[in-house]
All heavy atoms as atom14 arrays in JSON, in Angstrom:
{
  "sequence": "ATLRGIEGAAAAGLAPVKLNTVLMRGVNDTEAPALLRFAIAHGYQLR",
  "atom14_mask": [
    [1, 1, 1, 1, 1, 0, 0, 0, 0, 0, 0, 0, 0, 0],
    [1, 1, 1, 1, 1, 1, 1, 0, 0, 0, 0, 0, 0, 0],
    [1, 1, 1, 1, 1, 1, 1, 1, 0, 0, 0, 0, 0, 0],
    [1, 1, 1, 1, 1, 1, 1, 1, 1, 1, 1, 0, 0, 0],
    [1, 1, 1, 1, 0, 0, 0, 0, 0, 0, 0, 0, 0, 0],
    [1, 1, 1, 1, 1, 1, 1, 1, 0, 0, 0, 0, 0, 0],
    [1, 1, 1, 1, 1, 1, 1, 1, 1, 0, 0, 0, 0, 0],
    [1, 1, 1, 1, 0, 0, 0, 0, 0, 0, 0, 0, 0, 0],
    [1, 1, 1, 1, 1, 0, 0, 0, 0, 0, 0, 0, 0, 0],
    [1, 1, 1, 1, 1, 0, 0, 0, 0, 0, 0, 0, 0, 0],
    [1, 1, 1, 1, 1, 0, 0, 0, 0, 0, 0, 0, 0, 0],
    [1, 1, 1, 1, 1, 0, 0, 0, 0, 0, 0, 0, 0, 0],
    [1, 1, 1, 1, 0, 0, 0, 0, 0, 0, 0, 0, 0, 0],
    [1, 1, 1, 1, 1, 1, 1, 1, 0, 0, 0, 0, 0, 0],
    [1, 1, 1, 1, 1, 0, 0, 0, 0, 0, 0, 0, 0, 0],
    [1, 1, 1, 1, 1, 1, 1, 0, 0, 0, 0, 0, 0, 0],
    [1, 1, 1, 1, 1, 1, 1, 0, 0, 0, 0, 0, 0, 0],
    [1, 1, 1, 1, 1, 1, 1, 1, 1, 0, 0, 0, 0, 0],
    [1, 1, 1, 1, 1, 1, 1, 1, 0, 0, 0, 0, 0, 0],
    [1, 1, 1, 1, 1, 1, 1, 1, 0, 0, 0, 0, 0, 0],
    [1, 1, 1, 1, 1, 1, 1, 0, 0, 0, 0, 0, 0, 0],
    [1, 1, 1, 1, 1, 1, 1, 0, 0, 0, 0, 0, 0, 0],
    [1, 1, 1, 1, 1, 1, 1, 1, 0, 0, 0, 0, 0, 0],
    [1, 1, 1, 1, 1, 1, 1, 1, 0, 0, 0, 0, 0, 0],
    [1, 1, 1, 1, 1, 1, 1, 1, 1, 1, 1, 0, 0, 0],
    [1, 1, 1, 1, 0, 0, 0, 0, 0, 0, 0, 0, 0, 0],
    [1, 1, 1, 1, 1, 1, 1, 0, 0, 0, 0, 0, 0, 0],
    [1, 1, 1, 1, 1, 1, 1, 1, 0, 0, 0, 0, 0, 0],
    [1, 1, 1, 1, 1, 1, 1, 1, 0, 0, 0, 0, 0, 0],
    [1, 1, 1, 1, 1, 1, 1, 0, 0, 0, 0, 0, 0, 0],
    [1, 1, 1, 1, 1, 1, 1, 1, 1, 0, 0, 0, 0, 0],
    [1, 1, 1, 1, 1, 0, 0, 0, 0, 0, 0, 0, 0, 0],
    [1, 1, 1, 1, 1, 1, 1, 0, 0, 0, 0, 0, 0, 0],
    [1, 1, 1, 1, 1, 0, 0, 0, 0, 0, 0, 0, 0, 0],
    [1, 1, 1, 1, 1, 1, 1, 1, 0, 0, 0, 0, 0, 0],
    [1, 1, 1, 1, 1, 1, 1, 1, 0, 0, 0, 0, 0, 0],
    [1, 1, 1, 1, 1, 1, 1, 1, 1, 1, 1, 0, 0, 0],
    [1, 1, 1, 1, 1, 1, 1, 1, 1, 1, 1, 0, 0, 0],
    [1, 1, 1, 1, 1, 0, 0, 0, 0, 0, 0, 0, 0, 0],
    [1, 1, 1, 1, 1, 1, 1, 1, 0, 0, 0, 0, 0, 0],
    [1, 1, 1, 1, 1, 0, 0, 0, 0, 0, 0, 0, 0, 0],
    [1, 1, 1, 1, 1, 1, 1, 1, 1, 1, 0, 0, 0, 0],
    [1, 1, 1, 1, 0, 0, 0, 0, 0, 0, 0, 0, 0, 0],
    [1, 1, 1, 1, 1, 1, 1, 1, 1, 1, 1, 1, 0, 0],
    [1, 1, 1, 1, 1, 1, 1, 1, 1, 0, 0, 0, 0, 0],
    [1, 1, 1, 1, 1, 1, 1, 1, 0, 0, 0, 0, 0, 0],
    [1, 1, 1, 1, 1, 1, 1, 1, 1, 1, 1, 0, 0, 0]
  ],
  "atom14_positions": [
    [[24.15, -8.95, 0.81], [24.08, -8.2, 2.05], [22.66, -8.22, 2.63], [22.47, -8.32, 3.86], [24.53, -6.76, 1.82], [0.0, 0.0, 0.0], [0.0, 0.0, 0.0], [0.0, 0.0, 0.0], [0.0, 0.0, 0.0], [0.0, 0.0, 0.0], [0.0, 0.0, 0.0], [0.0, 0.0, 0.0], [0.0, 0.0, 0.0], [0.0, 0.0, 0.0]],
    [[21.66, -8.12, 1.76], [20.28, -8.18, 2.23], [19.97, -9.54, 2.84], [19.36, -9.63, 3.91], [19.31, -7.88, 1.06], [19.46, -6.51, 0.67], [17.87, -8.13, 1.46], [0.0, 0.0, 0.0], [0.0, 0.0, 0.0], [0.0, 0.0, 0.0], [0.0, 0.0, 0.0], [0.0, 0.0, 0.0], [0.0, 0.0, 0.0], [0.0, 0.0, 0.0]],
    [[20.4, -10.59, 2.18], [20.14, -11.94, 2.71], [20.85, -12.16, 4.04], [20.3, -12.8, 4.94], [20.56, -12.99, 1.68], [19.74, -13.0, 0.38], [20.3, -14.04, -0.59], [18.28, -13.26, 0.65], [0.0, 0.0, 0.0], [0.0, 0.0, 0.0], [0.0, 0.0, 0.0], [0.0, 0.0, 0.0], [0.0, 0.0, 0.0], [0.0, 0.0, 0.0]],
    [[22.06, -11.64, 4.18], [22.76, -11.76, 5.46], [21.99, -11.01, 6.55], [21.9, -11.47, 7.7], [24.19, -11.19, 5.36], [25.16, -12.05, 4.58], [26.61, -11.64, 4.86], [26.86, -10.24, 4.54], [27.26, -9.8, 3.35], [27.43, -10.67, 2.35], [27.48, -8.52, 3.13], [0.0, 0.0, 0.0], [0.0, 0.0, 0.0], [0.0, 0.0, 0.0]],
    [[21.44, -9.86, 6.2], [20.68, -9.1, 7.18], [19.43, -9.83, 7.62], [19.06, -9.82, 8.81], [0.0, 0.0, 0.0], [0.0, 0.0, 0.0], [0.0, 0.0, 0.0], [0.0, 0.0, 0.0], [0.0, 0.0, 0.0], [0.0, 0.0, 0.0], [0.0, 0.0, 0.0], [0.0, 0.0, 0.0], [0.0, 0.0, 0.0], [0.0, 0.0, 0.0]],
    [[18.75, -10.48, 6.68], [17.55, -11.25, 7.02], [17.92, -12.4, 7.96], [17.24, -12.63, 8.98], [16.89, -11.79, 5.74], [16.35, -10.63, 4.89], [15.78, -12.76, 6.07], [15.9, -11.03, 3.51], [0.0, 0.0, 0.0], [0.0, 0.0, 0.0], [0.0, 0.0, 0.0], [0.0, 0.0, 0.0], [0.0, 0.0, 0.0], [0.0, 0.0, 0.0]],
    [[18.99, -13.09, 7.64], [19.45, -14.19, 8.5], [19.82, -13.67, 9.89], [19.52, -14.3, 10.91], [20.64, -14.89, 7.86], [20.31, -15.61, 6.56], [21.54, -16.05, 5.8], [22.67, -15.8, 6.3], [21.4, -16.61, 4.71], [0.0, 0.0, 0.0], [0.0, 0.0, 0.0], [0.0, 0.0, 0.0], [0.0, 0.0, 0.0], [0.0, 0.0, 0.0]],
    [[20.47, -12.51, 9.92], [20.85, -11.93, 11.21], [19.66, -11.54, 12.05], [19.67, -11.68, 13.28], [0.0, 0.0, 0.0], [0.0, 0.0, 0.0], [0.0, 0.0, 0.0], [0.0, 0.0, 0.0], [0.0, 0.0, 0.0], [0.0, 0.0, 0.0], [0.0, 0.0, 0.0], [0.0, 0.0, 0.0], [0.0, 0.0, 0.0], [0.0, 0.0, 0.0]],
    [[18.61, -11.05, 11.4], [17.39, -10.68, 12.13], [16.76, -11.91, 12.77], [16.35, -11.88, 13.94], [16.41, -9.99, 11.19], [0.0, 0.0, 0.0], [0.0, 0.0, 0.0], [0.0, 0.0, 0.0], [0.0, 0.0, 0.0], [0.0, 0.0, 0.0], [0.0, 0.0, 0.0], [0.0, 0.0, 0.0], [0.0, 0.0, 0.0], [0.0, 0.0, 0.0]],
    [[16.66, -12.99, 12.0], [16.08, -14.21, 12.54], [16.92, -14.76, 13.7], [16.39, -15.18, 14.73], [15.94, -15.25, 11.44], [0.0, 0.0, 0.0], [0.0, 0.0, 0.0], [0.0, 0.0, 0.0], [0.0, 0.0, 0.0], [0.0, 0.0, 0.0], [0.0, 0.0, 0.0], [0.0, 0.0, 0.0], [0.0, 0.0, 0.0], [0.0, 0.0, 0.0]],
    [[18.24, -14.72, 13.53], [19.13, -15.23, 14.57], [19.05, -14.41, 15.85], [19.25, -14.94, 16.95], [20.58, -15.26, 14.07], [0.0, 0.0, 0.0], [0.0, 0.0, 0.0], [0.0, 0.0, 0.0], [0.0, 0.0, 0.0], [0.0, 0.0, 0.0], [0.0, 0.0, 0.0], [0.0, 0.0, 0.0], [0.0, 0.0, 0.0], [0.0, 0.0, 0.0]],
    [[18.74, -13.13, 15.72], [18.65, -12.26, 16.89], [17.31, -12.37, 17.6], [17.11, -11.74, 18.64], [18.89, -10.81, 16.47], [0.0, 0.0, 0.0], [0.0, 0.0, 0.0], [0.0, 0.0, 0.0], [0.0, 0.0, 0.0], [0.0, 0.0, 0.0], [0.0, 0.0, 0.0], [0.0, 0.0, 0.0], [0.0, 0.0, 0.0], [0.0, 0.0, 0.0]],
    [[16.4, -13.16, 17.05], [15.11, -13.37, 17.7], [13.97, -12.54, 17.15], [12.89, -12.49, 17.76], [0.0, 0.0, 0.0], [0.0, 0.0, 0.0], [0.0, 0.0, 0.0], [0.0, 0.0, 0.0], [0.0, 0.0, 0.0], [0.0, 0.0, 0.0], [0.0, 0.0, 0.0], [0.0, 0.0, 0.0], [0.0, 0.0, 0.0], [0.0, 0.0, 0.0]],
    [[14.18, -11.89, 16.0], [13.12, -11.08, 15.41], [12.21, -11.93, 14.51], [11.77, -11.49, 13.46], [13.73, -9.92, 14.61], [14.4, -8.85, 15.46], [15.22, -7.9, 14.59], [13.35, -8.08, 16.25], [0.0, 0.0, 0.0], [0.0, 0.0, 0.0], [0.0, 0.0, 0.0], [0.0, 0.0, 0.0], [0.0, 0.0, 0.0], [0.0, 0.0, 0.0]],
    [[11.95, -13.14, 14.96], [11.12, -14.06, 14.17], [9.65, -13.9, 14.56], [9.34, -13.61, 15.72], [11.6, -15.49, 14.41], [0.0, 0.0, 0.0], [0.0, 0.0, 0.0], [0.0, 0.0, 0.0], [0.0, 0.0, 0.0], [0.0, 0.0, 0.0], [0.0, 0.0, 0.0], [0.0, 0.0, 0.0], [0.0, 0.0, 0.0], [0.0, 0.0, 0.0]],
    [[8.73, -14.12, 13.6], [9.05, -14.41, 12.2], [9.38, -13.14, 11.43], [8.68, -12.13, 11.54], [7.75, -15.02, 11.67], [6.68, -14.38, 12.5], [7.29, -14.16, 13.85], [0.0, 0.0, 0.0], [0.0, 0.0, 0.0], [0.0, 0.0, 0.0], [0.0, 0.0, 0.0], [0.0, 0.0, 0.0], [0.0, 0.0, 0.0], [0.0, 0.0, 0.0]],
    [[10.47, -13.19, 10.69], [10.83, -12.08, 9.82], [9.79, -11.98, 8.7], [9.44, -12.98, 8.09], [12.23, -12.28, 9.22], [12.55, -11.19, 8.22], [13.27, -12.32, 10.33], [0.0, 0.0, 0.0], [0.0, 0.0, 0.0], [0.0, 0.0, 0.0], [0.0, 0.0, 0.0], [0.0, 0.0, 0.0], [0.0, 0.0, 0.0], [0.0, 0.0, 0.0]],
    [[9.31, -10.77, 8.45], [8.36, -10.56, 7.36], [9.09, -10.0, 6.15], [9.92, -9.1, 6.29], [7.23, -9.62, 7.79], [6.32, -10.21, 8.86], [5.13, -9.32, 9.15], [4.2, -9.96, 10.15], [3.0, -9.12, 10.41], [0.0, 0.0, 0.0], [0.0, 0.0, 0.0], [0.0, 0.0, 0.0], [0.0, 0.0, 0.0], [0.0, 0.0, 0.0]],
    [[8.78, -10.55, 4.99], [9.39, -10.09, 3.75], [8.33, -9.39, 2.91], [7.21, -9.88, 2.76], [9.96, -11.27, 2.95], [10.97, -12.18, 3.68], [11.41, -13.29, 2.75], [12.16, -11.36, 4.16], [0.0, 0.0, 0.0], [0.0, 0.0, 0.0], [0.0, 0.0, 0.0], [0.0, 0.0, 0.0], [0.0, 0.0, 0.0], [0.0, 0.0, 0.0]],
    [[8.68, -8.24, 2.36], [7.8, -7.48, 1.49], [8.35, -7.5, 0.07], [9.52, -7.17, -0.14], [7.69, -6.02, 1.95], [7.01, -5.88, 3.29], [6.28, -6.77, 3.73], [7.24, -4.77, 3.95], [0.0, 0.0, 0.0], [0.0, 0.0, 0.0], [0.0, 0.0, 0.0], [0.0, 0.0, 0.0], [0.0, 0.0, 0.0], [0.0, 0.0, 0.0]],
    [[7.51, -7.85, -0.89], [7.94, -7.95, -2.29], [7.04, -7.13, -3.19], [5.8, -7.24, -3.11], [7.91, -9.42, -2.76], [8.84, -10.18, -2.0], [8.27, -9.52, -4.23], [0.0, 0.0, 0.0], [0.0, 0.0, 0.0], [0.0, 0.0, 0.0], [0.0, 0.0, 0.0], [0.0, 0.0, 0.0], [0.0, 0.0, 0.0], [0.0, 0.0, 0.0]],
    [[7.65, -6.31, -4.05], [6.94, -5.6, -5.1], [7.33, -6.23, -6.43], [8.52, -6.31, -6.75], [7.28, -4.1, -5.11], [6.61, -3.39, -6.29], [6.88, -3.45, -3.8], [0.0, 0.0, 0.0], [0.0, 0.0, 0.0], [0.0, 0.0, 0.0], [0.0, 0.0, 0.0], [0.0, 0.0, 0.0], [0.0, 0.0, 0.0], [0.0, 0.0, 0.0]],
    [[6.35, -6.71, -7.17], [6.63, -7.31, -8.47], [6.51, -6.25, -9.56], [5.55, -5.47, -9.58], [5.66, -8.46, -8.76], [5.76, -9.67, -7.81], [4.75, -10.73, -8.21], [7.17, -10.25, -7.79], [0.0, 0.0, 0.0], [0.0, 0.0, 0.0], [0.0, 0.0, 0.0], [0.0, 0.0, 0.0], [0.0, 0.0, 0.0], [0.0, 0.0, 0.0]],
    [[7.49, -6.24, -10.46], [7.53, -5.29, -11.58], [7.39, -6.07, -12.88], [8.13, -7.03, -13.11], [8.86, -4.53, -11.57], [9.2, -3.87, -10.24], [8.44, -2.27, -10.05], [9.35, -1.31, -11.25], [0.0, 0.0, 0.0], [0.0, 0.0, 0.0], [0.0, 0.0, 0.0], [0.0, 0.0, 0.0], [0.0, 0.0, 0.0], [0.0, 0.0, 0.0]],
    [[6.46, -5.64, -13.7], [6.2, -6.36, -14.95], [7.45, -6.36, -15.85], [8.06, -5.32, -16.07], [5.02, -5.73, -15.68], [4.45, -6.63, -16.78], [3.18, -6.06, -17.38], [2.13, -5.83, -16.4], [1.35, -6.77, -15.9], [1.53, -8.04, -16.25], [0.41, -6.48, -15.02], [0.0, 0.0, 0.0], [0.0, 0.0, 0.0], [0.0, 0.0, 0.0]],
    [[7.8, -7.55, -16.3], [8.95, -7.69, -17.18], [10.28, -7.67, -16.46], [11.33, -7.77, -17.1], [0.0, 0.0, 0.0], [0.0, 0.0, 0.0], [0.0, 0.0, 0.0], [0.0, 0.0, 0.0], [0.0, 0.0, 0.0], [0.0, 0.0, 0.0], [0.0, 0.0, 0.0], [0.0, 0.0, 0.0], [0.0, 0.0, 0.0], [0.0, 0.0, 0.0]],
    [[10.26, -7.57, -15.14], [11.51, -7.53, -14.37], [11.6, -8.73, -13.43], [12.49, -9.57, -13.54], [11.65, -6.21, -13.58], [12.97, -6.18, -12.8], [11.56, -5.02, -14.52], [0.0, 0.0, 0.0], [0.0, 0.0, 0.0], [0.0, 0.0, 0.0], [0.0, 0.0, 0.0], [0.0, 0.0, 0.0], [0.0, 0.0, 0.0], [0.0, 0.0, 0.0]],
    [[10.66, -8.81, -12.47], [10.68, -9.9, -11.5], [9.31, -10.54, -11.33], [9.06, -11.23, -10.34], [11.18, -9.41, -10.14], [10.26, -8.37, -9.52], [9.51, -7.68, -10.23], [10.32, -8.23, -8.21], [0.0, 0.0, 0.0], [0.0, 0.0, 0.0], [0.0, 0.0, 0.0], [0.0, 0.0, 0.0], [0.0, 0.0, 0.0], [0.0, 0.0, 0.0]],
    [[8.41, -10.33, -12.29], [7.03, -10.77, -12.12], [6.85, -12.28, -12.22], [5.77, -12.79, -11.93], [6.1, -10.07, -13.14], [6.58, -10.2, -14.57], [7.79, -10.4, -14.78], [5.74, -10.09, -15.47], [0.0, 0.0, 0.0], [0.0, 0.0, 0.0], [0.0, 0.0, 0.0], [0.0, 0.0, 0.0], [0.0, 0.0, 0.0], [0.0, 0.0, 0.0]],
    [[7.88, -13.02, -12.6], [7.78, -14.49, -12.65], [8.33, -15.14, -11.38], [8.32, -16.37, -11.27], [8.56, -15.04, -13.85], [9.95, -14.72, -13.71], [8.04, -14.45, -15.16], [0.0, 0.0, 0.0], [0.0, 0.0, 0.0], [0.0, 0.0, 0.0], [0.0, 0.0, 0.0], [0.0, 0.0, 0.0], [0.0, 0.0, 0.0], [0.0, 0.0, 0.0]],
    [[8.78, -14.35, -10.43], [9.49, -14.91, -9.28], [8.62, -15.2, -8.06], [9.13, -15.67, -7.04], [10.62, -13.96, -8.85], [11.75, -13.87, -9.85], [12.97, -13.21, -9.26], [13.39, -13.6, -8.15], [13.51, -12.28, -9.9], [0.0, 0.0, 0.0], [0.0, 0.0, 0.0], [0.0, 0.0, 0.0], [0.0, 0.0, 0.0], [0.0, 0.0, 0.0]],
    [[7.33, -14.93, -8.13], [6.48, -15.1, -6.95], [6.58, -16.51, -6.36], [6.78, -16.65, -5.13], [5.04, -14.74, -7.28], [0.0, 0.0, 0.0], [0.0, 0.0, 0.0], [0.0, 0.0, 0.0], [0.0, 0.0, 0.0], [0.0, 0.0, 0.0], [0.0, 0.0, 0.0], [0.0, 0.0, 0.0], [0.0, 0.0, 0.0], [0.0, 0.0, 0.0]],
    [[6.44, -17.59, -7.13], [6.53, -18.92, -6.53], [7.88, -19.2, -5.87], [7.94, -19.77, -4.77], [6.28, -19.86, -7.72], [5.47, -19.05, -8.67], [6.04, -17.66, -8.56], [0.0, 0.0, 0.0], [0.0, 0.0, 0.0], [0.0, 0.0, 0.0], [0.0, 0.0, 0.0], [0.0, 0.0, 0.0], [0.0, 0.0, 0.0], [0.0, 0.0, 0.0]],
    [[8.97, -18.79, -6.52], [10.29, -19.03, -5.95], [10.47, -18.28, -4.64], [11.05, -18.81, -3.68], [11.37, -18.62, -6.95], [0.0, 0.0, 0.0], [0.0, 0.0, 0.0], [0.0, 0.0, 0.0], [0.0, 0.0, 0.0], [0.0, 0.0, 0.0], [0.0, 0.0, 0.0], [0.0, 0.0, 0.0], [0.0, 0.0, 0.0], [0.0, 0.0, 0.0]],
    [[9.97, -17.06, -4.58], [10.08, -16.28, -3.35], [9.26, -16.92, -2.23], [9.7, -16.94, -1.07], [9.61, -14.85, -3.6], [10.62, -13.97, -4.35], [9.93, -12.77, -4.98], [11.73, -13.49, -3.4], [0.0, 0.0, 0.0], [0.0, 0.0, 0.0], [0.0, 0.0, 0.0], [0.0, 0.0, 0.0], [0.0, 0.0, 0.0], [0.0, 0.0, 0.0]],
    [[8.1, -17.45, -2.56], [7.29, -18.1, -1.54], [7.96, -19.38, -1.05], [7.98, -19.66, 0.16], [5.89, -18.39, -2.07], [4.91, -19.02, -1.06], [4.85, -18.24, 0.24], [3.52, -19.15, -1.69], [0.0, 0.0, 0.0], [0.0, 0.0, 0.0], [0.0, 0.0, 0.0], [0.0, 0.0, 0.0], [0.0, 0.0, 0.0], [0.0, 0.0, 0.0]],
    [[8.53, -20.16, -1.95], [9.26, -21.36, -1.52], [10.41, -20.98, -0.59], [10.65, -21.66, 0.43], [9.78, -22.13, -2.74], [8.7, -22.9, -3.49], [9.32, -23.88, -4.49], [10.04, -23.18, -5.55], [9.48, -22.79, -6.69], [8.21, -23.04, -6.93], [10.21, -22.18, -7.61], [0.0, 0.0, 0.0], [0.0, 0.0, 0.0], [0.0, 0.0, 0.0]],
    [[11.14, -19.94, -0.94], [12.24, -19.46, -0.11], [11.75, -19.08, 1.28], [12.35, -19.45, 2.3], [12.91, -18.27, -0.79], [13.91, -17.53, 0.05], [15.2, -18.02, 0.21], [13.57, -16.34, 0.68], [16.14, -17.35, 0.99], [14.5, -15.66, 1.46], [15.78, -16.16, 1.62], [0.0, 0.0, 0.0], [0.0, 0.0, 0.0], [0.0, 0.0, 0.0]],
    [[10.66, -18.32, 1.34], [10.14, -17.86, 2.63], [9.7, -19.04, 3.49], [10.02, -19.1, 4.7], [8.97, -16.9, 2.4], [0.0, 0.0, 0.0], [0.0, 0.0, 0.0], [0.0, 0.0, 0.0], [0.0, 0.0, 0.0], [0.0, 0.0, 0.0], [0.0, 0.0, 0.0], [0.0, 0.0, 0.0], [0.0, 0.0, 0.0], [0.0, 0.0, 0.0]],
    [[9.0, -19.98, 2.9], [8.52, -21.13, 3.67], [9.7, -21.96, 4.18], [9.72, -22.39, 5.34], [7.58, -21.99, 2.81], [6.29, -21.21, 2.51], [7.27, -23.31, 3.5], [5.37, -21.91, 1.53], [0.0, 0.0, 0.0], [0.0, 0.0, 0.0], [0.0, 0.0, 0.0], [0.0, 0.0, 0.0], [0.0, 0.0, 0.0], [0.0, 0.0, 0.0]],
    [[10.69, -22.15, 3.35], [11.85, -22.97, 3.74], [12.59, -22.38, 4.93], [13.18, -23.12, 5.73], [12.8, -23.12, 2.55], [0.0, 0.0, 0.0], [0.0, 0.0, 0.0], [0.0, 0.0, 0.0], [0.0, 0.0, 0.0], [0.0, 0.0, 0.0], [0.0, 0.0, 0.0], [0.0, 0.0, 0.0], [0.0, 0.0, 0.0], [0.0, 0.0, 0.0]],
    [[12.58, -21.05, 5.07], [13.34, -20.4, 6.13], [12.46, -19.91, 7.29], [12.97, -19.32, 8.24], [14.12, -19.21, 5.56], [15.23, -19.61, 4.65], [15.04, -19.89, 3.31], [16.57, -19.8, 4.89], [16.2, -20.22, 2.77], [17.13, -20.18, 3.69], [0.0, 0.0, 0.0], [0.0, 0.0, 0.0], [0.0, 0.0, 0.0], [0.0, 0.0, 0.0]],
    [[11.16, -20.14, 7.2], [10.27, -19.71, 8.27], [9.95, -18.23, 8.25], [9.56, -17.65, 9.27], [0.0, 0.0, 0.0], [0.0, 0.0, 0.0], [0.0, 0.0, 0.0], [0.0, 0.0, 0.0], [0.0, 0.0, 0.0], [0.0, 0.0, 0.0], [0.0, 0.0, 0.0], [0.0, 0.0, 0.0], [0.0, 0.0, 0.0], [0.0, 0.0, 0.0]],
    [[10.11, -17.58, 7.1], [9.77, -16.17, 6.96], [8.32, -16.02, 6.51], [7.72, -16.97, 5.97], [10.68, -15.48, 5.94], [12.16, -15.65, 6.19], [13.05, -15.8, 5.11], [12.69, -15.67, 7.48], [14.41, -15.96, 5.32], [14.05, -15.84, 7.69], [14.91, -15.98, 6.6], [16.26, -16.15, 6.8], [0.0, 0.0, 0.0], [0.0, 0.0, 0.0]],
    [[7.74, -14.86, 6.72], [6.39, -14.58, 6.26], [6.46, -13.61, 5.08], [6.98, -12.51, 5.22], [5.55, -13.98, 7.39], [5.24, -14.97, 8.51], [4.3, -14.4, 9.55], [3.88, -13.25, 9.47], [3.97, -15.21, 10.54], [0.0, 0.0, 0.0], [0.0, 0.0, 0.0], [0.0, 0.0, 0.0], [0.0, 0.0, 0.0], [0.0, 0.0, 0.0]],
    [[5.91, -14.03, 3.95], [6.02, -13.25, 2.72], [4.72, -12.52, 2.42], [3.63, -13.08, 2.54], [6.36, -14.19, 1.55], [6.48, -13.58, 0.17], [7.59, -12.54, 0.12], [6.72, -14.67, -0.87], [0.0, 0.0, 0.0], [0.0, 0.0, 0.0], [0.0, 0.0, 0.0], [0.0, 0.0, 0.0], [0.0, 0.0, 0.0], [0.0, 0.0, 0.0]],
    [[4.88, -11.25, 2.01], [3.73, -10.45, 1.58], [4.1, -9.76, 0.27], [5.14, -9.11, 0.17], [3.36, -9.39, 2.63], [3.07, -9.95, 4.0], [2.56, -8.9, 4.95], [3.43, -7.73, 4.98], [3.13, -6.6, 5.64], [2.0, -6.5, 6.29], [3.97, -5.6, 5.64], [0.0, 0.0, 0.0], [0.0, 0.0, 0.0], [0.0, 0.0, 0.0]]
  ]
}
């Protein structure tokens, strides 16, 4: 549902969509590179 919402925002002209990420140790702290690749591929801005 979150990903559909992001896609909908971009389609409605709210580009560039900005993404905010909080990394949690031992939970998602290894995902930073994958999230950045995802953002670049879709034209989103990641923070």
